[in-house]
Amino acid sequence: FAPDGKTVAASGAGTGCKIRVYDASTGKLKSELGKSNPGGN
């Protein structure tokens, strides 16, 4: 959880980007990174 409470970040596995950031108030996907990486631990 971002210290300012505005966003939530997640990392993991699966097809697609391995780092995603969501708007904390709505859950809307805000940004993503790491499509070619095998996993964000």
Full PDB file with SEQRES, HELIX, SHEET, SSBOND, CRYST1, ORIGX, SCALE, CONECT and MASTER records, all heavy atoms in Angstrom:
SEQRES   1 A   41  PHE ALA PRO ASP GLY LYS THR VAL ALA ALA SER GLY ALA          
SEQRES   2 A   41  GLY THR GLY CYS LYS ILE ARG VAL TYR ASP ALA SER THR          
SEQRES   3 A   41  GLY LYS LEU LYS SER GLU LEU GLY LYS SER ASN PRO GLY          
SEQRES   4 A   41  GLY ASN                                                      
SHEET    1 AA1 3 THR A   7  SER A  11  0                                        
SHEET    2 AA1 3 ILE A  19  ASP A  23 -1                                        
SHEET    3 AA1 3 LEU A  29  LEU A  33 -1                                        
CRYST1    1.000    1.000    1.000  90.00  90.00  90.00 P 1           1          
ORIGX1      1.000000  0.000000  0.000000        0.00000                         
ORIGX2      0.000000  1.000000  0.000000        0.00000                         
ORIGX3      0.000000  0.000000  1.000000        0.00000                         
SCALE1      1.000000  0.000000  0.000000        0.00000                         
SCALE2      0.000000  1.000000  0.000000        0.00000                         
SCALE3      0.000000  0.000000  1.000000        0.00000                         
ATOM      1  N   PHE A   1       0.861  -1.181   0.000  1.00  0.00           N  
ATOM      2  CA  PHE A   1       0.000   0.000   0.000  1.00  0.00           C  
ATOM      3  C   PHE A   1       0.897   1.231   0.000  1.00  0.00           C  
ATOM      4  O   PHE A   1       1.840   1.318   0.790  1.00  0.00           O  
ATOM      5  CB  PHE A   1      -0.888   0.020   1.247  1.00  0.00           C  
ATOM      6  CG  PHE A   1      -2.329   0.360   0.978  1.00  0.00           C  
ATOM      7  CD1 PHE A   1      -3.331  -0.568   1.192  1.00  0.00           C  
ATOM      8  CD2 PHE A   1      -2.678   1.628   0.515  1.00  0.00           C  
ATOM      9  CE1 PHE A   1      -4.658  -0.253   0.947  1.00  0.00           C  
ATOM     10  CE2 PHE A   1      -4.004   1.952   0.270  1.00  0.00           C  
ATOM     11  CZ  PHE A   1      -5.008   1.012   0.482  1.00  0.00           C  
ATOM     12  N   ALA A   2       0.610   2.193  -0.885  1.00  0.00           N  
ATOM     13  CA  ALA A   2       1.412   3.409  -0.932  1.00  0.00           C  
ATOM     14  C   ALA A   2       1.283   4.178   0.377  1.00  0.00           C  
ATOM     15  O   ALA A   2       0.196   4.251   0.953  1.00  0.00           O  
ATOM     16  CB  ALA A   2       0.968   4.288  -2.089  1.00  0.00           C  
ATOM     17  N   PRO A   3       2.372   4.765   0.871  1.00  0.00           N  
ATOM     18  CA  PRO A   3       2.306   5.544   2.115  1.00  0.00           C  
ATOM     19  C   PRO A   3       1.288   6.680   2.089  1.00  0.00           C  
ATOM     20  O   PRO A   3       0.759   7.053   3.132  1.00  0.00           O  
ATOM     21  CB  PRO A   3       3.738   6.083   2.257  1.00  0.00           C  
ATOM     22  CG  PRO A   3       4.587   5.075   1.559  1.00  0.00           C  
ATOM     23  CD  PRO A   3       3.760   4.624   0.392  1.00  0.00           C  
ATOM     24  N   ASP A   4       0.990   7.224   0.890  1.00  0.00           N  
ATOM     25  CA  ASP A   4      -0.015   8.283   0.817  1.00  0.00           C  
ATOM     26  C   ASP A   4      -1.429   7.734   0.675  1.00  0.00           C  
ATOM     27  O   ASP A   4      -2.405   8.503   0.626  1.00  0.00           O  
ATOM     28  CB  ASP A   4       0.290   9.260  -0.323  1.00  0.00           C  
ATOM     29  CG  ASP A   4       0.226   8.610  -1.709  1.00  0.00           C  
ATOM     30  OD1 ASP A   4      -0.191   7.442  -1.825  1.00  0.00           O  
ATOM     31  OD2 ASP A   4       0.606   9.286  -2.686  1.00  0.00           O  
ATOM     32  N   GLY A   5      -1.573   6.402   0.614  1.00  0.00           N  
ATOM     33  CA  GLY A   5      -2.885   5.773   0.561  1.00  0.00           C  
ATOM     34  C   GLY A   5      -3.584   5.825  -0.778  1.00  0.00           C  
ATOM     35  O   GLY A   5      -4.737   5.389  -0.884  1.00  0.00           O  
ATOM     36  N   LYS A   6      -2.919   6.309  -1.822  1.00  0.00           N  
ATOM     37  CA  LYS A   6      -3.604   6.518  -3.091  1.00  0.00           C  
ATOM     38  C   LYS A   6      -3.566   5.324  -4.034  1.00  0.00           C  
ATOM     39  O   LYS A   6      -4.425   5.187  -4.895  1.00  0.00           O  
ATOM     40  CB  LYS A   6      -3.013   7.743  -3.793  1.00  0.00           C  
ATOM     41  CG  LYS A   6      -3.279   9.046  -3.063  1.00  0.00           C  
ATOM     42  CD  LYS A   6      -2.689  10.231  -3.829  1.00  0.00           C  
ATOM     43  CE  LYS A   6      -2.956  11.547  -3.116  1.00  0.00           C  
ATOM     44  NZ  LYS A   6      -2.371  12.707  -3.851  1.00  0.00           N  
ATOM     45  N   THR A   7      -2.562   4.487  -3.919  1.00  0.00           N  
ATOM     46  CA  THR A   7      -2.425   3.357  -4.835  1.00  0.00           C  
ATOM     47  C   THR A   7      -2.052   2.079  -4.082  1.00  0.00           C  
ATOM     48  O   THR A   7      -1.560   2.116  -2.962  1.00  0.00           O  
ATOM     49  CB  THR A   7      -1.357   3.626  -5.913  1.00  0.00           C  
ATOM     50  OG1 THR A   7      -0.099   3.883  -5.278  1.00  0.00           O  
ATOM     51  CG2 THR A   7      -1.736   4.802  -6.787  1.00  0.00           C  
ATOM     52  N   VAL A   8      -2.304   0.953  -4.757  1.00  0.00           N  
ATOM     53  CA  VAL A   8      -1.924  -0.378  -4.268  1.00  0.00           C  
ATOM     54  C   VAL A   8      -1.092  -1.040  -5.349  1.00  0.00           C  
ATOM     55  O   VAL A   8      -1.483  -1.042  -6.527  1.00  0.00           O  
ATOM     56  CB  VAL A   8      -3.172  -1.231  -3.963  1.00  0.00           C  
ATOM     57  CG1 VAL A   8      -2.768  -2.678  -3.659  1.00  0.00           C  
ATOM     58  CG2 VAL A   8      -3.963  -0.646  -2.807  1.00  0.00           C  
ATOM     59  N   ALA A   9       0.059  -1.595  -4.987  1.00  0.00           N  
ATOM     60  CA  ALA A   9       0.923  -2.287  -5.943  1.00  0.00           C  
ATOM     61  C   ALA A   9       0.920  -3.777  -5.651  1.00  0.00           C  
ATOM     62  O   ALA A   9       0.810  -4.194  -4.495  1.00  0.00           O  
ATOM     63  CB  ALA A   9       2.346  -1.738  -5.872  1.00  0.00           C  
ATOM     64  N   ALA A  10       1.044  -4.564  -6.703  1.00  0.00           N  
ATOM     65  CA  ALA A  10       1.086  -6.015  -6.550  1.00  0.00           C  
ATOM     66  C   ALA A  10       2.101  -6.589  -7.521  1.00  0.00           C  
ATOM     67  O   ALA A  10       2.341  -6.036  -8.600  1.00  0.00           O  
ATOM     68  CB  ALA A  10      -0.284  -6.627  -6.798  1.00  0.00           C  
ATOM     69  N   SER A  11       2.713  -7.700  -7.129  1.00  0.00           N  
ATOM     70  CA  SER A  11       3.624  -8.419  -8.019  1.00  0.00           C  
ATOM     71  C   SER A  11       3.323  -9.899  -7.915  1.00  0.00           C  
ATOM     72  O   SER A  11       2.751 -10.372  -6.940  1.00  0.00           O  
ATOM     73  CB  SER A  11       5.085  -8.143  -7.657  1.00  0.00           C  
ATOM     74  OG  SER A  11       5.379  -8.634  -6.366  1.00  0.00           O  
ATOM     75  N   GLY A  12       3.718 -10.646  -8.953  1.00  0.00           N  
ATOM     76  CA  GLY A  12       3.433 -12.075  -8.946  1.00  0.00           C  
ATOM     77  C   GLY A  12       3.757 -12.717 -10.273  1.00  0.00           C  
ATOM     78  O   GLY A  12       4.650 -12.268 -11.001  1.00  0.00           O  
ATOM     79  N   ALA A  13       3.018 -13.770 -10.611  1.00  0.00           N  
ATOM     80  CA  ALA A  13       3.264 -14.550 -11.817  1.00  0.00           C  
ATOM     81  C   ALA A  13       2.032 -14.524 -12.710  1.00  0.00           C  
ATOM     82  O   ALA A  13       0.992 -13.991 -12.347  1.00  0.00           O  
ATOM     83  CB  ALA A  13       3.631 -15.985 -11.448  1.00  0.00           C  
ATOM     84  N   GLY A  14       2.180 -15.145 -13.871  1.00  0.00           N  
ATOM     85  CA  GLY A  14       1.066 -15.223 -14.806  1.00  0.00           C  
ATOM     86  C   GLY A  14       1.407 -14.580 -16.131  1.00  0.00           C  
ATOM     87  O   GLY A  14       2.403 -13.878 -16.273  1.00  0.00           O  
ATOM     88  N   THR A  15       0.558 -14.793 -17.138  1.00  0.00           N  
ATOM     89  CA  THR A  15       0.753 -14.216 -18.449  1.00  0.00           C  
ATOM     90  C   THR A  15       0.427 -12.731 -18.393  1.00  0.00           C  
ATOM     91  O   THR A  15      -0.659 -12.344 -17.996  1.00  0.00           O  
ATOM     92  CB  THR A  15      -0.142 -14.904 -19.486  1.00  0.00           C  
ATOM     93  OG1 THR A  15       0.159 -16.292 -19.492  1.00  0.00           O  
ATOM     94  CG2 THR A  15       0.100 -14.338 -20.879  1.00  0.00           C  
ATOM     95  N   GLY A  16       1.363 -11.898 -18.811  1.00  0.00           N  
ATOM     96  CA  GLY A  16       1.150 -10.458 -18.773  1.00  0.00           C  
ATOM     97  C   GLY A  16       2.148  -9.785 -17.856  1.00  0.00           C  
ATOM     98  O   GLY A  16       3.117 -10.387 -17.394  1.00  0.00           O  
ATOM     99  N   CYS A  17       1.928  -8.498 -17.582  1.00  0.00           N  
ATOM    100  CA  CYS A  17       2.853  -7.723 -16.763  1.00  0.00           C  
ATOM    101  C   CYS A  17       2.888  -8.252 -15.327  1.00  0.00           C  
ATOM    102  O   CYS A  17       1.863  -8.615 -14.765  1.00  0.00           O  
ATOM    103  CB  CYS A  17       2.453  -6.256 -16.770  1.00  0.00           C  
ATOM    104  SG  CYS A  17       2.644  -5.495 -18.402  1.00  0.00           S  
ATOM    105  N   LYS A  18       4.082  -8.257 -14.737  1.00  0.00           N  
ATOM    106  CA  LYS A  18       4.266  -8.857 -13.410  1.00  0.00           C  
ATOM    107  C   LYS A  18       4.226  -7.850 -12.274  1.00  0.00           C  
ATOM    108  O   LYS A  18       4.310  -8.215 -11.111  1.00  0.00           O  
ATOM    109  CB  LYS A  18       5.599  -9.624 -13.378  1.00  0.00           C  
ATOM    110  CG  LYS A  18       5.723 -10.669 -14.479  1.00  0.00           C  
ATOM    111  CD  LYS A  18       4.531 -11.612 -14.529  1.00  0.00           C  
ATOM    112  CE  LYS A  18       4.752 -12.767 -15.497  1.00  0.00           C  
ATOM    113  NZ  LYS A  18       4.937 -12.324 -16.882  1.00  0.00           N  
ATOM    114  N   ILE A  19       4.110  -6.573 -12.588  1.00  0.00           N  
ATOM    115  CA  ILE A  19       3.930  -5.540 -11.579  1.00  0.00           C  
ATOM    116  C   ILE A  19       2.744  -4.694 -12.018  1.00  0.00           C  
ATOM    117  O   ILE A  19       2.731  -4.175 -13.142  1.00  0.00           O  
ATOM    118  CB  ILE A  19       5.179  -4.643 -11.425  1.00  0.00           C  
ATOM    119  CG1 ILE A  19       6.429  -5.479 -11.143  1.00  0.00           C  
ATOM    120  CG2 ILE A  19       4.961  -3.622 -10.313  1.00  0.00           C  
ATOM    121  CD1 ILE A  19       7.293  -5.695 -12.358  1.00  0.00           C  
ATOM    122  N   ARG A  20       1.749  -4.575 -11.142  1.00  0.00           N  
ATOM    123  CA  ARG A  20       0.586  -3.751 -11.463  1.00  0.00           C  
ATOM    124  C   ARG A  20       0.301  -2.806 -10.308  1.00  0.00           C  
ATOM    125  O   ARG A  20       0.497  -3.158  -9.145  1.00  0.00           O  
ATOM    126  CB  ARG A  20      -0.637  -4.623 -11.749  1.00  0.00           C  
ATOM    127  CG  ARG A  20      -0.626  -5.216 -13.156  1.00  0.00           C  
ATOM    128  CD  ARG A  20      -1.900  -5.964 -13.484  1.00  0.00           C  
ATOM    129  NE  ARG A  20      -2.055  -6.105 -14.929  1.00  0.00           N  
ATOM    130  CZ  ARG A  20      -3.051  -6.756 -15.522  1.00  0.00           C  
ATOM    131  NH1 ARG A  20      -4.001  -7.330 -14.791  1.00  0.00           N  
ATOM    132  NH2 ARG A  20      -3.117  -6.816 -16.834  1.00  0.00           N  
ATOM    133  N   VAL A  21      -0.173  -1.613 -10.662  1.00  0.00           N  
ATOM    134  CA  VAL A  21      -0.528  -0.603  -9.675  1.00  0.00           C  
ATOM    135  C   VAL A  21      -1.988  -0.224  -9.881  1.00  0.00           C  
ATOM    136  O   VAL A  21      -2.414   0.065 -11.003  1.00  0.00           O  
ATOM    137  CB  VAL A  21       0.381   0.642  -9.806  1.00  0.00           C  
ATOM    138  CG1 VAL A  21      -0.035   1.720  -8.808  1.00  0.00           C  
ATOM    139  CG2 VAL A  21       1.837   0.260  -9.580  1.00  0.00           C  
ATOM    140  N   TYR A  22      -2.767  -0.240  -8.783  1.00  0.00           N  
ATOM    141  CA  TYR A  22      -4.200   0.017  -8.823  1.00  0.00           C  
ATOM    142  C   TYR A  22      -4.538   1.283  -8.043  1.00  0.00           C  
ATOM    143  O   TYR A  22      -3.897   1.592  -7.031  1.00  0.00           O  
ATOM    144  CB  TYR A  22      -4.971  -1.156  -8.217  1.00  0.00           C  
ATOM    145  CG  TYR A  22      -4.721  -2.485  -8.889  1.00  0.00           C  
ATOM    146  CD1 TYR A  22      -3.608  -3.263  -8.554  1.00  0.00           C  
ATOM    147  CD2 TYR A  22      -5.593  -2.975  -9.855  1.00  0.00           C  
ATOM    148  CE1 TYR A  22      -3.378  -4.488  -9.172  1.00  0.00           C  
ATOM    149  CE2 TYR A  22      -5.370  -4.199 -10.476  1.00  0.00           C  
ATOM    150  CZ  TYR A  22      -4.259  -4.946 -10.136  1.00  0.00           C  
ATOM    151  OH  TYR A  22      -4.025  -6.155 -10.739  1.00  0.00           O  
ATOM    152  N   ASP A  23      -5.556   1.984  -8.498  1.00  0.00           N  
ATOM    153  CA  ASP A  23      -6.082   3.121  -7.750  1.00  0.00           C  
ATOM    154  C   ASP A  23      -6.749   2.588  -6.482  1.00  0.00           C  
ATOM    155  O   ASP A  23      -7.632   1.732  -6.547  1.00  0.00           O  
ATOM    156  CB  ASP A  23      -7.093   3.889  -8.603  1.00  0.00           C  
ATOM    157  CG  ASP A  23      -7.564   5.160  -7.934  1.00  0.00           C  
ATOM    158  OD1 ASP A  23      -8.310   5.057  -6.940  1.00  0.00           O  
ATOM    159  OD2 ASP A  23      -7.200   6.250  -8.383  1.00  0.00           O  
ATOM    160  N   ALA A  24      -6.329   3.072  -5.315  1.00  0.00           N  
ATOM    161  CA  ALA A  24      -6.821   2.514  -4.052  1.00  0.00           C  
ATOM    162  C   ALA A  24      -8.289   2.818  -3.803  1.00  0.00           C  
ATOM    163  O   ALA A  24      -8.967   2.067  -3.086  1.00  0.00           O  
ATOM    164  CB  ALA A  24      -5.982   3.046  -2.891  1.00  0.00           C  
ATOM    165  N   SER A  25      -8.821   3.877  -4.369  1.00  0.00           N  
ATOM    166  CA  SER A  25     -10.217   4.230  -4.122  1.00  0.00           C  
ATOM    167  C   SER A  25     -11.180   3.476  -5.023  1.00  0.00           C  
ATOM    168  O   SER A  25     -12.310   3.164  -4.627  1.00  0.00           O  
ATOM    169  CB  SER A  25     -10.425   5.734  -4.285  1.00  0.00           C  
ATOM    170  OG  SER A  25     -10.086   6.144  -5.599  1.00  0.00           O  
ATOM    171  N   THR A  26     -10.740   3.140  -6.248  1.00  0.00           N  
ATOM    172  CA  THR A  26     -11.646   2.524  -7.216  1.00  0.00           C  
ATOM    173  C   THR A  26     -11.254   1.102  -7.625  1.00  0.00           C  
ATOM    174  O   THR A  26     -12.091   0.361  -8.147  1.00  0.00           O  
ATOM    175  CB  THR A  26     -11.720   3.374  -8.489  1.00  0.00           C  
ATOM    176  OG1 THR A  26     -10.422   3.379  -9.119  1.00  0.00           O  
ATOM    177  CG2 THR A  26     -12.128   4.802  -8.160  1.00  0.00           C  
ATOM    178  N   GLY A  27      -9.990   0.740  -7.439  1.00  0.00           N  
ATOM    179  CA  GLY A  27      -9.515  -0.551  -7.917  1.00  0.00           C  
ATOM    180  C   GLY A  27      -9.147  -0.559  -9.376  1.00  0.00           C  
ATOM    181  O   GLY A  27      -8.747  -1.584  -9.933  1.00  0.00           O  
ATOM    182  N   LYS A  28      -9.266   0.587 -10.031  1.00  0.00           N  
ATOM    183  CA  LYS A  28      -8.944   0.674 -11.458  1.00  0.00           C  
ATOM    184  C   LYS A  28      -7.442   0.519 -11.672  1.00  0.00           C  
ATOM    185  O   LYS A  28      -6.636   1.083 -10.947  1.00  0.00           O  
ATOM    186  CB  LYS A  28      -9.412   2.027 -12.002  1.00  0.00           C  
ATOM    187  CG  LYS A  28      -9.175   2.211 -13.493  1.00  0.00           C  
ATOM    188  CD  LYS A  28      -9.652   3.575 -13.959  1.00  0.00           C  
ATOM    189  CE  LYS A  28      -9.370   3.790 -15.434  1.00  0.00           C  
ATOM    190  NZ  LYS A  28      -9.821   5.130 -15.902  1.00  0.00           N  
ATOM    191  N   LEU A  29      -7.080  -0.270 -12.706  1.00  0.00           N  
ATOM    192  CA  LEU A  29      -5.672  -0.456 -13.043  1.00  0.00           C  
ATOM    193  C   LEU A  29      -5.069   0.873 -13.462  1.00  0.00           C  
ATOM    194  O   LEU A  29      -5.569   1.535 -14.385  1.00  0.00           O  
ATOM    195  CB  LEU A  29      -5.526  -1.488 -14.160  1.00  0.00           C  
ATOM    196  CG  LEU A  29      -4.103  -1.823 -14.594  1.00  0.00           C  
ATOM    197  CD1 LEU A  29      -3.332  -2.480 -13.461  1.00  0.00           C  
ATOM    198  CD2 LEU A  29      -4.120  -2.752 -15.818  1.00  0.00           C  
ATOM    199  N   LYS A  30      -3.991   1.271 -12.814  1.00  0.00           N  
ATOM    200  CA  LYS A  30      -3.374   2.575 -13.066  1.00  0.00           C  
ATOM    201  C   LYS A  30      -2.150   2.461 -13.957  1.00  0.00           C  
ATOM    202  O   LYS A  30      -1.935   3.273 -14.838  1.00  0.00           O  
ATOM    203  CB  LYS A  30      -2.996   3.206 -11.728  1.00  0.00           C  
ATOM    204  CG  LYS A  30      -2.515   4.647 -11.796  1.00  0.00           C  
ATOM    205  CD  LYS A  30      -2.236   5.176 -10.399  1.00  0.00           C  
ATOM    206  CE  LYS A  30      -1.746   6.613 -10.431  1.00  0.00           C  
ATOM    207  NZ  LYS A  30      -2.809   7.542 -10.851  1.00  0.00           N  
ATOM    208  N   SER A  31      -1.320   1.447 -13.729  1.00  0.00           N  
ATOM    209  CA  SER A  31      -0.122   1.255 -14.546  1.00  0.00           C  
ATOM    210  C   SER A  31       0.389  -0.165 -14.368  1.00  0.00           C  
ATOM    211  O   SER A  31      -0.011  -0.873 -13.441  1.00  0.00           O  
ATOM    212  CB  SER A  31       0.968   2.268 -14.177  1.00  0.00           C  
ATOM    213  OG  SER A  31       1.302   2.150 -12.814  1.00  0.00           O  
ATOM    214  N   GLU A  32       1.267  -0.568 -15.266  1.00  0.00           N  
ATOM    215  CA  GLU A  32       1.826  -1.913 -15.201  1.00  0.00           C  
ATOM    216  C   GLU A  32       3.219  -1.931 -15.816  1.00  0.00           C  
ATOM    217  O   GLU A  32       3.584  -1.065 -16.601  1.00  0.00           O  
ATOM    218  CB  GLU A  32       0.911  -2.931 -15.875  1.00  0.00           C  
ATOM    219  CG  GLU A  32       0.524  -2.591 -17.282  1.00  0.00           C  
ATOM    220  CD  GLU A  32      -0.563  -3.502 -17.825  1.00  0.00           C  
ATOM    221  OE1 GLU A  32      -0.963  -4.467 -17.146  1.00  0.00           O  
ATOM    222  OE2 GLU A  32      -0.999  -3.245 -18.960  1.00  0.00           O  
ATOM    223  N   LEU A  33       3.970  -2.953 -15.461  1.00  0.00           N  
ATOM    224  CA  LEU A  33       5.377  -3.035 -15.866  1.00  0.00           C  
ATOM    225  C   LEU A  33       5.833  -4.484 -15.804  1.00  0.00           C  
ATOM    226  O   LEU A  33       5.335  -5.272 -15.007  1.00  0.00           O  
ATOM    227  CB  LEU A  33       6.235  -2.188 -14.910  1.00  0.00           C  
ATOM    228  CG  LEU A  33       7.744  -2.184 -15.115  1.00  0.00           C  
ATOM    229  CD1 LEU A  33       8.095  -1.429 -16.395  1.00  0.00           C  
ATOM    230  CD2 LEU A  33       8.432  -1.510 -13.936  1.00  0.00           C  
ATOM    231  N   GLY A  34       6.795  -4.842 -16.653  1.00  0.00           N  
ATOM    232  CA  GLY A  34       7.457  -6.136 -16.529  1.00  0.00           C  
ATOM    233  C   GLY A  34       6.799  -7.276 -17.275  1.00  0.00           C  
ATOM    234  O   GLY A  34       6.732  -8.390 -16.778  1.00  0.00           O  
ATOM    235  N   LYS A  35       6.337  -7.024 -18.498  1.00  0.00           N  
ATOM    236  CA  LYS A  35       5.633  -8.074 -19.249  1.00  0.00           C  
ATOM    237  C   LYS A  35       6.519  -9.274 -19.527  1.00  0.00           C  
ATOM    238  O   LYS A  35       6.072 -10.416 -19.465  1.00  0.00           O  
ATOM    239  CB  LYS A  35       5.109  -7.505 -20.566  1.00  0.00           C  
ATOM    240  CG  LYS A  35       4.348  -8.521 -21.411  1.00  0.00           C  
ATOM    241  CD  LYS A  35       3.745  -7.879 -22.659  1.00  0.00           C  
ATOM    242  CE  LYS A  35       2.593  -6.974 -22.295  1.00  0.00           C  
ATOM    243  NZ  LYS A  35       1.907  -6.445 -23.502  1.00  0.00           N  
ATOM    244  N   SER A  36       7.792  -9.054 -19.835  1.00  0.00           N  
ATOM    245  CA  SER A  36       8.679 -10.160 -20.223  1.00  0.00           C  
ATOM    246  C   SER A  36       9.326 -10.855 -19.035  1.00  0.00           C  
ATOM    247  O   SER A  36       9.982 -11.864 -19.191  1.00  0.00           O  
ATOM    248  CB  SER A  36       9.779  -9.640 -21.153  1.00  0.00           C  
ATOM    249  OG  SER A  36      10.583  -8.685 -20.473  1.00  0.00           O  
ATOM    250  N   ASN A  37       9.126 -10.309 -17.835  1.00  0.00           N  
ATOM    251  CA  ASN A  37       9.773 -10.908 -16.671  1.00  0.00           C  
ATOM    252  C   ASN A  37       9.012 -12.128 -16.187  1.00  0.00           C  
ATOM    253  O   ASN A  37       7.781 -12.130 -16.169  1.00  0.00           O  
ATOM    254  CB  ASN A  37       9.878  -9.883 -15.548  1.00  0.00           C  
ATOM    255  CG  ASN A  37      10.661 -10.413 -14.368  1.00  0.00           C  
ATOM    256  OD1 ASN A  37      10.075 -10.903 -13.428  1.00  0.00           O  
ATOM    257  ND2 ASN A  37      11.969 -10.345 -14.447  1.00  0.00           N  
ATOM    258  N   PRO A  38       9.699 -13.195 -15.760  1.00  0.00           N  
ATOM    259  CA  PRO A  38       9.015 -14.418 -15.344  1.00  0.00           C  
ATOM    260  C   PRO A  38       8.299 -14.316 -14.011  1.00  0.00           C  
ATOM    261  O   PRO A  38       7.501 -15.175 -13.685  1.00  0.00           O  
ATOM    262  CB  PRO A  38      10.149 -15.456 -15.265  1.00  0.00           C  
ATOM    263  CG  PRO A  38      11.378 -14.645 -15.042  1.00  0.00           C  
ATOM    264  CD  PRO A  38      11.166 -13.366 -15.791  1.00  0.00           C  
ATOM    265  N   GLY A  39       8.571 -13.326 -13.211  1.00  0.00           N  
ATOM    266  CA  GLY A  39       7.857 -13.232 -11.939  1.00  0.00           C  
ATOM    267  C   GLY A  39       8.384 -12.151 -11.034  1.00  0.00           C  
ATOM    268  O   GLY A  39       9.596 -11.959 -10.924  1.00  0.00           O  
ATOM    269  N   GLY A  40       7.469 -11.420 -10.395  1.00  0.00           N  
ATOM    270  CA  GLY A  40       7.830 -10.438  -9.385  1.00  0.00           C  
ATOM    271  C   GLY A  40       7.556 -11.030  -8.019  1.00  0.00           C  
ATOM    272  O   GLY A  40       6.411 -11.312  -7.666  1.00  0.00           O  
ATOM    273  N   ASN A  41       8.588 -11.252  -7.227  1.00  0.00           N  
ATOM    274  CA  ASN A  41       8.443 -11.978  -5.964  1.00  0.00           C  
ATOM    275  C   ASN A  41       8.043 -11.101  -4.786  1.00  0.00           C  
ATOM    276  O   ASN A  41       7.442 -11.582  -3.834  1.00  0.00           O  
ATOM    277  CB  ASN A  41       9.756 -12.693  -5.630  1.00  0.00           C  
ATOM    278  CG  ASN A  41      10.133 -13.700  -6.691  1.00  0.00           C  
ATOM    279  OD1 ASN A  41       9.286 -14.427  -7.191  1.00  0.00           O  
ATOM    280  ND2 ASN A  41      11.404 -13.742  -7.057  1.00  0.00           N  
TER     281      ASN A  41                                                      
MASTER        0    0    0    0    3    0    0    6  280    1    0    4          
END                                                                             
